[in-house]
Amino acid sequence: MPYINLQITKGATRDQKKAIVEEFTNTLVKHLGKQPEHIHIVIDEVEEENWGYAGMLTDDFRKTMREKETG
């Protein structure tokens, strides 16, 4: 029984999450021969302020990147 726990920052739409679940399921069926009904996928959405990236909180990092892009 494969179990996938995917952690992403908040903001993905329901359609995007649906597509992720479908693609991950199809990949495990294709490459591992697993039955779809035995595959479990959990998507945990994390607030950007609770995720660190490049030595910064993700919300601060993204703000810095936007500021660099707009000059």
PDB file of N, CA and C in Angstrom:
ATOM      1  N   MET A   1       0.839  -1.174   0.000  1.00  0.00           N
ATOM      2  CA  MET A   1       0.000   0.000   0.000  1.00  0.00           C
ATOM      3  C   MET A   1       0.887   1.242   0.000  1.00  0.00           C
ATOM      4  N   PRO A   2       1.147   1.836  -1.157  1.00  0.00           N
ATOM      5  CA  PRO A   2       1.944   3.054  -1.201  1.00  0.00           C
ATOM      6  C   PRO A   2       1.217   4.223  -0.535  1.00  0.00           C
ATOM      7  N   TYR A   3       1.991   5.016   0.178  1.00  0.00           N
ATOM      8  CA  TYR A   3       1.486   6.215   0.838  1.00  0.00           C
ATOM      9  C   TYR A   3       2.416   7.354   0.472  1.00  0.00           C
ATOM     10  N   ILE A   4       1.864   8.407  -0.096  1.00  0.00           N
ATOM     11  CA  ILE A   4       2.646   9.586  -0.462  1.00  0.00           C
ATOM     12  C   ILE A   4       2.136  10.750   0.366  1.00  0.00           C
ATOM     13  N   ASN A   5       3.055  11.462   1.018  1.00  0.00           N
ATOM     14  CA  ASN A   5       2.710  12.668   1.751  1.00  0.00           C
ATOM     15  C   ASN A   5       3.444  13.819   1.084  1.00  0.00           C
ATOM     16  N   LEU A   6       2.697  14.672   0.415  1.00  0.00           N
ATOM     17  CA  LEU A   6       3.252  15.801  -0.321  1.00  0.00           C
ATOM     18  C   LEU A   6       3.010  17.067   0.472  1.00  0.00           C
ATOM     19  N   GLN A   7       4.072  17.808   0.744  1.00  0.00           N
ATOM     20  CA  GLN A   7       3.935  19.084   1.436  1.00  0.00           C
ATOM     21  C   GLN A   7       4.249  20.198   0.458  1.00  0.00           C
ATOM     22  N   ILE A   8       3.306  21.146   0.363  1.00  0.00           N
ATOM     23  CA  ILE A   8       3.461  22.293  -0.518  1.00  0.00           C
ATOM     24  C   ILE A   8       3.014  23.538   0.235  1.00  0.00           C
ATOM     25  N   THR A   9       3.460  24.704  -0.230  1.00  0.00           N
ATOM     26  CA  THR A   9       2.940  25.928   0.364  1.00  0.00           C
ATOM     27  C   THR A   9       1.513  26.137  -0.116  1.00  0.00           C
ATOM     28  N   LYS A  10       0.731  26.822   0.700  1.00  0.00           N
ATOM     29  CA  LYS A  10      -0.684  27.043   0.377  1.00  0.00           C
ATOM     30  C   LYS A  10      -0.823  27.811  -0.925  1.00  0.00           C
ATOM     31  N   GLY A  11      -1.946  27.545  -1.603  1.00  0.00           N
ATOM     32  CA  GLY A  11      -2.237  28.306  -2.807  1.00  0.00           C
ATOM     33  C   GLY A  11      -2.636  27.463  -4.002  1.00  0.00           C
ATOM     34  N   ALA A  12      -2.413  26.164  -3.943  1.00  0.00           N
ATOM     35  CA  ALA A  12      -2.802  25.309  -5.068  1.00  0.00           C
ATOM     36  C   ALA A  12      -4.323  25.214  -5.123  1.00  0.00           C
ATOM     37  N   THR A  13      -4.848  25.211  -6.327  1.00  0.00           N
ATOM     38  CA  THR A  13      -6.293  25.084  -6.492  1.00  0.00           C
ATOM     39  C   THR A  13      -6.706  23.624  -6.337  1.00  0.00           C
ATOM     40  N   ARG A  14      -7.999  23.415  -6.194  1.00  0.00           N
ATOM     41  CA  ARG A  14      -8.527  22.045  -6.105  1.00  0.00           C
ATOM     42  C   ARG A  14      -8.196  21.276  -7.383  1.00  0.00           C
ATOM     43  N   ASP A  15      -8.327  21.932  -8.540  1.00  0.00           N
ATOM     44  CA  ASP A  15      -8.015  21.272  -9.812  1.00  0.00           C
ATOM     45  C   ASP A  15      -6.539  20.885  -9.893  1.00  0.00           C
ATOM     46  N   GLN A  16      -5.655  21.741  -9.406  1.00  0.00           N
ATOM     47  CA  GLN A  16      -4.230  21.419  -9.407  1.00  0.00           C
ATOM     48  C   GLN A  16      -3.945  20.220  -8.506  1.00  0.00           C
ATOM     49  N   LYS A  17      -4.559  20.200  -7.327  1.00  0.00           N
ATOM     50  CA  LYS A  17      -4.355  19.073  -6.409  1.00  0.00           C
ATOM     51  C   LYS A  17      -4.937  17.788  -6.992  1.00  0.00           C
ATOM     52  N   LYS A  18      -6.073  17.894  -7.645  1.00  0.00           N
ATOM     53  CA  LYS A  18      -6.676  16.725  -8.295  1.00  0.00           C
ATOM     54  C   LYS A  18      -5.728  16.161  -9.354  1.00  0.00           C
ATOM     55  N   ALA A  19      -5.133  17.047 -10.149  1.00  0.00           N
ATOM     56  CA  ALA A  19      -4.201  16.616 -11.193  1.00  0.00           C
ATOM     57  C   ALA A  19      -2.969  15.942 -10.587  1.00  0.00           C
ATOM     58  N   ILE A  20      -2.475  16.477  -9.486  1.00  0.00           N
ATOM     59  CA  ILE A  20      -1.322  15.877  -8.809  1.00  0.00           C
ATOM     60  C   ILE A  20      -1.655  14.466  -8.345  1.00  0.00           C
ATOM     61  N   VAL A  21      -2.815  14.295  -7.706  1.00  0.00           N
ATOM     62  CA  VAL A  21      -3.220  12.976  -7.217  1.00  0.00           C
ATOM     63  C   VAL A  21      -3.344  11.997  -8.380  1.00  0.00           C
ATOM     64  N   GLU A  22      -3.944  12.437  -9.481  1.00  0.00           N
ATOM     65  CA  GLU A  22      -4.094  11.564 -10.650  1.00  0.00           C
ATOM     66  C   GLU A  22      -2.740  11.169 -11.223  1.00  0.00           C
ATOM     67  N   GLU A  23      -1.838  12.141 -11.378  1.00  0.00           N
ATOM     68  CA  GLU A  23      -0.519  11.861 -11.958  1.00  0.00           C
ATOM     69  C   GLU A  23       0.314  10.948 -11.056  1.00  0.00           C
ATOM     70  N   PHE A  24       0.330  11.216  -9.759  1.00  0.00           N
ATOM     71  CA  PHE A  24       1.090  10.366  -8.840  1.00  0.00           C
ATOM     72  C   PHE A  24       0.541   8.945  -8.863  1.00  0.00           C
ATOM     73  N   THR A  25      -0.782   8.826  -8.851  1.00  0.00           N
ATOM     74  CA  THR A  25      -1.407   7.500  -8.895  1.00  0.00           C
ATOM     75  C   THR A  25      -1.024   6.773 -10.173  1.00  0.00           C
ATOM     76  N   ASN A  26      -1.153   7.443 -11.309  1.00  0.00           N
ATOM     77  CA  ASN A  26      -0.806   6.829 -12.594  1.00  0.00           C
ATOM     78  C   ASN A  26       0.654   6.396 -12.641  1.00  0.00           C
ATOM     79  N   THR A  27       1.534   7.192 -12.049  1.00  0.00           N
ATOM     80  CA  THR A  27       2.957   6.849 -12.029  1.00  0.00           C
ATOM     81  C   THR A  27       3.209   5.572 -11.229  1.00  0.00           C
ATOM     82  N   LEU A  28       2.571   5.445 -10.073  1.00  0.00           N
ATOM     83  CA  LEU A  28       2.763   4.237  -9.262  1.00  0.00           C
ATOM     84  C   LEU A  28       2.139   3.015  -9.912  1.00  0.00           C
ATOM     85  N   VAL A  29       1.019   3.198 -10.583  1.00  0.00           N
ATOM     86  CA  VAL A  29       0.399   2.087 -11.319  1.00  0.00           C
ATOM     87  C   VAL A  29       1.331   1.640 -12.440  1.00  0.00           C
ATOM     88  N   LYS A  30       1.839   2.598 -13.198  1.00  0.00           N
ATOM     89  CA  LYS A  30       2.683   2.294 -14.359  1.00  0.00           C
ATOM     90  C   LYS A  30       4.026   1.677 -13.959  1.00  0.00           C
ATOM     91  N   HIS A  31       4.698   2.258 -12.997  1.00  0.00           N
ATOM     92  CA  HIS A  31       6.067   1.851 -12.695  1.00  0.00           C
ATOM     93  C   HIS A  31       6.192   0.779 -11.615  1.00  0.00           C
ATOM     94  N   LEU A  32       5.195   0.688 -10.733  1.00  0.00           N
ATOM     95  CA  LEU A  32       5.268  -0.303  -9.658  1.00  0.00           C
ATOM     96  C   LEU A  32       4.197  -1.377  -9.760  1.00  0.00           C
ATOM     97  N   GLY A  33       3.276  -1.208 -10.710  1.00  0.00           N
ATOM     98  CA  GLY A  33       2.219  -2.188 -10.885  1.00  0.00           C
ATOM     99  C   GLY A  33       1.204  -2.218  -9.747  1.00  0.00           C
ATOM    100  N   LYS A  34       1.080  -1.108  -9.035  1.00  0.00           N
ATOM    101  CA  LYS A  34       0.144  -1.052  -7.906  1.00  0.00           C
ATOM    102  C   LYS A  34      -1.276  -0.805  -8.389  1.00  0.00           C
ATOM    103  N   GLN A  35      -2.244  -1.243  -7.600  1.00  0.00           N
ATOM    104  CA  GLN A  35      -3.652  -0.999  -7.893  1.00  0.00           C
ATOM    105  C   GLN A  35      -4.021   0.397  -7.377  1.00  0.00           C
ATOM    106  N   PRO A  36      -4.745   1.183  -8.180  1.00  0.00           N
ATOM    107  CA  PRO A  36      -5.093   2.545  -7.750  1.00  0.00           C
ATOM    108  C   PRO A  36      -5.784   2.599  -6.390  1.00  0.00           C
ATOM    109  N   GLU A  37      -6.631   1.615  -6.104  1.00  0.00           N
ATOM    110  CA  GLU A  37      -7.366   1.649  -4.834  1.00  0.00           C
ATOM    111  C   GLU A  37      -6.483   1.372  -3.620  1.00  0.00           C
ATOM    112  N   HIS A  38      -5.221   1.008  -3.859  1.00  0.00           N
ATOM    113  CA  HIS A  38      -4.291   0.773  -2.754  1.00  0.00           C
ATOM    114  C   HIS A  38      -3.341   1.947  -2.539  1.00  0.00           C
ATOM    115  N   ILE A  39      -3.477   2.983  -3.339  1.00  0.00           N
ATOM    116  CA  ILE A  39      -2.569   4.129  -3.283  1.00  0.00           C
ATOM    117  C   ILE A  39      -3.230   5.257  -2.494  1.00  0.00           C
ATOM    118  N   HIS A  40      -2.509   5.743  -1.495  1.00  0.00           N
ATOM    119  CA  HIS A  40      -3.002   6.836  -0.654  1.00  0.00           C
ATOM    120  C   HIS A  40      -2.085   8.041  -0.820  1.00  0.00           C
ATOM    121  N   ILE A  41      -2.686   9.203  -1.029  1.00  0.00           N
ATOM    122  CA  ILE A  41      -1.918  10.427  -1.217  1.00  0.00           C
ATOM    123  C   ILE A  41      -2.516  11.506  -0.321  1.00  0.00           C
ATOM    124  N   VAL A  42      -1.662  12.132   0.475  1.00  0.00           N
ATOM    125  CA  VAL A  42      -2.084  13.223   1.344  1.00  0.00           C
ATOM    126  C   VAL A  42      -1.322  14.473   0.924  1.00  0.00           C
ATOM    127  N   ILE A  43      -2.051  15.550   0.718  1.00  0.00           N
ATOM    128  CA  ILE A  43      -1.429  16.829   0.394  1.00  0.00           C
ATOM    129  C   ILE A  43      -1.574  17.735   1.612  1.00  0.00           C
ATOM    130  N   ASP A  44      -0.446  18.086   2.199  1.00  0.00           N
ATOM    131  CA  ASP A  44      -0.422  19.019   3.327  1.00  0.00           C
ATOM    132  C   ASP A  44      -0.021  20.386   2.800  1.00  0.00           C
ATOM    133  N   GLU A  45      -0.882  21.360   3.018  1.00  0.00           N
ATOM    134  CA  GLU A  45      -0.554  22.724   2.617  1.00  0.00           C
ATOM    135  C   GLU A  45      -0.027  23.486   3.832  1.00  0.00           C
ATOM    136  N   VAL A  46       1.106  24.111   3.655  1.00  0.00           N
ATOM    137  CA  VAL A  46       1.799  24.802   4.730  1.00  0.00           C
ATOM    138  C   VAL A  46       1.793  26.302   4.434  1.00  0.00           C
ATOM    139  N   GLU A  47       1.508  27.094   5.453  1.00  0.00           N
ATOM    140  CA  GLU A  47       1.594  28.549   5.298  1.00  0.00           C
ATOM    141  C   GLU A  47       3.029  28.927   4.939  1.00  0.00           C
ATOM    142  N   GLU A  48       3.180  29.910   4.054  1.00  0.00           N
ATOM    143  CA  GLU A  48       4.521  30.327   3.633  1.00  0.00           C
ATOM    144  C   GLU A  48       5.377  30.787   4.805  1.00  0.00           C
ATOM    145  N   GLU A  49       4.754  31.350   5.832  1.00  0.00           N
ATOM    146  CA  GLU A  49       5.523  31.811   6.989  1.00  0.00           C
ATOM    147  C   GLU A  49       6.023  30.651   7.848  1.00  0.00           C
ATOM    148  N   ASN A  50       5.541  29.443   7.567  1.00  0.00           N
ATOM    149  CA  ASN A  50       5.974  28.256   8.310  1.00  0.00           C
ATOM    150  C   ASN A  50       6.916  27.374   7.503  1.00  0.00           C
ATOM    151  N   TRP A  51       7.435  27.893   6.394  1.00  0.00           N
ATOM    152  CA  TRP A  51       8.303  27.111   5.512  1.00  0.00           C
ATOM    153  C   TRP A  51       9.571  27.926   5.272  1.00  0.00           C
ATOM    154  N   GLY A  52      10.716  27.331   5.548  1.00  0.00           N
ATOM    155  CA  GLY A  52      11.977  28.016   5.317  1.00  0.00           C
ATOM    156  C   GLY A  52      12.578  27.628   3.977  1.00  0.00           C
ATOM    157  N   TYR A  53      13.193  28.596   3.320  1.00  0.00           N
ATOM    158  CA  TYR A  53      13.808  28.358   2.014  1.00  0.00           C
ATOM    159  C   TYR A  53      14.964  29.331   1.850  1.00  0.00           C
ATOM    160  N   ALA A  54      16.102  28.848   1.474  1.00  0.00           N
ATOM    161  CA  ALA A  54      17.278  29.681   1.211  1.00  0.00           C
ATOM    162  C   ALA A  54      17.636  30.547   2.422  1.00  0.00           C
ATOM    163  N   GLY A  55      17.434  29.998   3.620  1.00  0.00           N
ATOM    164  CA  GLY A  55      17.779  30.724   4.835  1.00  0.00           C
ATOM    165  C   GLY A  55      16.765  31.769   5.252  1.00  0.00           C
ATOM    166  N   MET A  56      15.605  31.769   4.593  1.00  0.00           N
ATOM    167  CA  MET A  56      14.570  32.759   4.892  1.00  0.00           C
ATOM    168  C   MET A  56      13.226  32.053   4.989  1.00  0.00           C
ATOM    169  N   LEU A  57      12.252  32.720   5.611  1.00  0.00           N
ATOM    170  CA  LEU A  57      10.889  32.220   5.524  1.00  0.00           C
ATOM    171  C   LEU A  57      10.419  32.422   4.089  1.00  0.00           C
ATOM    172  N   THR A  58       9.639  31.510   3.585  1.00  0.00           N
ATOM    173  CA  THR A  58       9.255  31.536   2.173  1.00  0.00           C
ATOM    174  C   THR A  58       8.525  32.814   1.797  1.00  0.00           C
ATOM    175  N   ASP A  59       7.652  33.341   2.669  1.00  0.00           N
ATOM    176  CA  ASP A  59       6.952  34.578   2.319  1.00  0.00           C
ATOM    177  C   ASP A  59       7.937  35.731   2.161  1.00  0.00           C
ATOM    178  N   ASP A  60       8.969  35.797   3.015  1.00  0.00           N
ATOM    179  CA  ASP A  60       9.992  36.832   2.873  1.00  0.00           C
ATOM    180  C   ASP A  60      10.826  36.615   1.617  1.00  0.00           C
ATOM    181  N   PHE A  61      11.181  35.378   1.331  1.00  0.00           N
ATOM    182  CA  PHE A  61      11.965  35.071   0.136  1.00  0.00           C
ATOM    183  C   PHE A  61      11.219  35.494  -1.125  1.00  0.00           C
ATOM    184  N   ARG A  62       9.943  35.136  -1.210  1.00  0.00           N
ATOM    185  CA  ARG A  62       9.160  35.492  -2.395  1.00  0.00           C
ATOM    186  C   ARG A  62       8.990  37.001  -2.518  1.00  0.00           C
ATOM    187  N   LYS A  63       8.827  37.685  -1.398  1.00  0.00           N
ATOM    188  CA  LYS A  63       8.719  39.145  -1.423  1.00  0.00           C
ATOM    189  C   LYS A  63      10.012  39.751  -1.967  1.00  0.00           C
ATOM    190  N   THR A  64      11.144  39.245  -1.501  1.00  0.00           N
ATOM    191  CA  THR A  64      12.442  39.725  -1.978  1.00  0.00           C
ATOM    192  C   THR A  64      12.591  39.486  -3.478  1.00  0.00           C
ATOM    193  N   MET A  65      12.180  38.320  -3.957  1.00  0.00           N
ATOM    194  CA  MET A  65      12.283  38.011  -5.384  1.00  0.00           C
ATOM    195  C   MET A  65      11.384  38.928  -6.210  1.00  0.00           C
ATOM    196  N   ARG A  66      10.165  39.205  -5.732  1.00  0.00           N
ATOM    197  CA  ARG A  66       9.263  40.115  -6.452  1.00  0.00           C
ATOM    198  C   ARG A  66       9.856  41.515  -6.529  1.00  0.00           C
ATOM    199  N   GLU A  67      10.463  41.958  -5.434  1.00  0.00           N
ATOM    200  CA  GLU A  67      11.078  43.284  -5.409  1.00  0.00           C
ATOM    201  C   GLU A  67      12.235  43.361  -6.397  1.00  0.00           C
ATOM    202  N   LYS A  68      13.017  42.305  -6.522  1.00  0.00           N
ATOM    203  CA  LYS A  68      14.119  42.276  -7.484  1.00  0.00           C
ATOM    204  C   LYS A  68      13.597  42.330  -8.916  1.00  0.00           C
ATOM    205  N   GLU A  69      12.476  41.646  -9.168  1.00  0.00           N
ATOM    206  CA  GLU A  69      11.899  41.614 -10.516  1.00  0.00           C
ATOM    207  C   GLU A  69      11.331  42.966 -10.929  1.00  0.00           C
ATOM    208  N   THR A  70      10.759  43.690  -9.979  1.00  0.00           N
ATOM    209  CA  THR A  70      10.133  44.976 -10.306  1.00  0.00           C
ATOM    210  C   THR A  70      11.110  46.134 -10.197  1.00  0.00           C
ATOM    211  N   GLY A  71      12.279  45.868  -9.645  1.00  0.00           N
ATOM    212  CA  GLY A  71      13.329  46.856  -9.558  1.00  0.00           C
ATOM    213  C   GLY A  71      13.066  47.840  -8.502  1.00  0.00           C
TER     214      GLY A  71
END
